[in-house]
Amino acid sequence: MKAIFITVRTGSKRLPNKALLKINGKETIVHLMERMKKSHRADIVVLCTSTNKNDNILCDLAEENGIHYFRGSE
């Protein structure tokens, strides 16, 4: 099984919540998820983020878009 891992968190110092900024009304991370789901080189796409409660929104977006997620320490 081949997988694509998307590593993302909301705790950026230079541009906080950059993955949640919208382009054409859709979060940038959602644009990325949609592109990765179209890949023919992987069987599964997994969003990897931290256990920080601020990253809950990322897991919610992953679920809404049919993407698996993993939460680990920062």
Protein backbone atom coordinates (compact mmCIF):
# COMPACT_ATOMS: atom_id res chain seq x y z
CA MET A 1 0.00 0.00 0.00
CA LYS A 2 1.32 3.44 -0.92
CA ALA A 3 0.31 6.53 1.04
CA ILE A 4 0.51 10.30 0.80
CA PHE A 5 1.08 12.08 4.11
CA ILE A 6 0.07 15.73 4.42
CA THR A 7 1.78 17.34 7.42
CA VAL A 8 0.03 20.45 8.68
CA ARG A 9 -0.76 22.33 11.87
CA THR A 10 -2.30 25.67 12.77
CA GLY A 11 0.49 26.88 15.07
CA SER A 12 2.65 28.65 12.50
CA LYS A 13 4.54 31.65 13.89
CA ARG A 14 5.06 33.67 10.69
CA LEU A 15 1.57 33.18 9.22
CA PRO A 16 -0.81 31.65 11.77
CA ASN A 17 -3.55 29.40 10.37
CA LYS A 18 -2.14 29.60 6.85
CA ALA A 19 -3.68 26.22 5.98
CA LEU A 20 -7.10 27.70 6.76
CA LEU A 21 -6.74 30.78 4.57
CA LYS A 22 -9.24 30.68 1.75
CA ILE A 23 -8.70 30.76 -1.99
CA ASN A 24 -11.91 31.06 -4.01
CA GLY A 25 -13.92 30.42 -0.83
CA LYS A 26 -12.14 27.16 0.06
CA GLU A 27 -9.38 26.54 2.61
CA THR A 28 -5.96 25.98 1.08
CA ILE A 29 -5.63 22.65 2.90
CA VAL A 30 -8.88 21.49 1.28
CA HIS A 31 -7.49 22.37 -2.17
CA LEU A 32 -4.45 20.21 -1.34
CA MET A 33 -6.57 17.31 -0.05
CA GLU A 34 -8.64 17.31 -3.22
CA ARG A 35 -5.54 17.25 -5.40
CA MET A 36 -3.92 14.44 -3.44
CA LYS A 37 -7.08 12.31 -3.56
CA LYS A 38 -6.83 12.40 -7.37
CA SER A 39 -3.35 10.87 -7.32
CA HIS A 40 -3.02 7.48 -8.98
CA ARG A 41 0.28 6.81 -7.22
CA ALA A 42 -1.15 6.31 -3.72
CA ASP A 43 -3.89 4.19 -2.21
CA ILE A 44 -4.50 6.38 0.83
CA VAL A 45 -4.11 10.02 1.88
CA VAL A 46 -3.43 10.80 5.54
CA LEU A 47 -3.42 14.24 7.14
CA CYS A 48 -0.86 14.35 9.96
CA THR A 49 -1.24 17.00 12.65
CA SER A 50 -0.65 17.56 16.34
CA THR A 51 -2.76 16.77 19.39
CA ASN A 52 -3.10 20.50 20.05
CA LYS A 53 -6.79 21.40 20.39
CA ASN A 54 -6.33 24.21 17.85
CA ASP A 55 -5.72 21.53 15.20
CA ASN A 56 -9.17 19.99 15.71
CA ILE A 57 -10.41 22.03 12.75
CA LEU A 58 -7.90 20.27 10.50
CA CYS A 59 -9.19 16.86 11.55
CA ASP A 60 -12.76 18.03 10.96
CA LEU A 61 -11.84 19.15 7.44
CA ALA A 62 -10.11 15.82 6.80
CA GLU A 63 -13.23 13.91 7.84
CA GLU A 64 -15.47 16.15 5.72
CA ASN A 65 -13.26 15.43 2.71
CA GLY A 66 -12.91 11.67 3.21
CA ILE A 67 -9.26 11.82 4.33
CA HIS A 68 -7.78 9.80 7.16
CA TYR A 69 -5.88 11.67 9.86
CA PHE A 70 -3.23 10.99 12.47
CA ARG A 71 -2.51 13.09 15.56
CA GLY A 72 0.85 13.11 17.28
CA SER A 73 2.89 15.32 19.58
CA GLU A 74 4.11 18.69 18.36
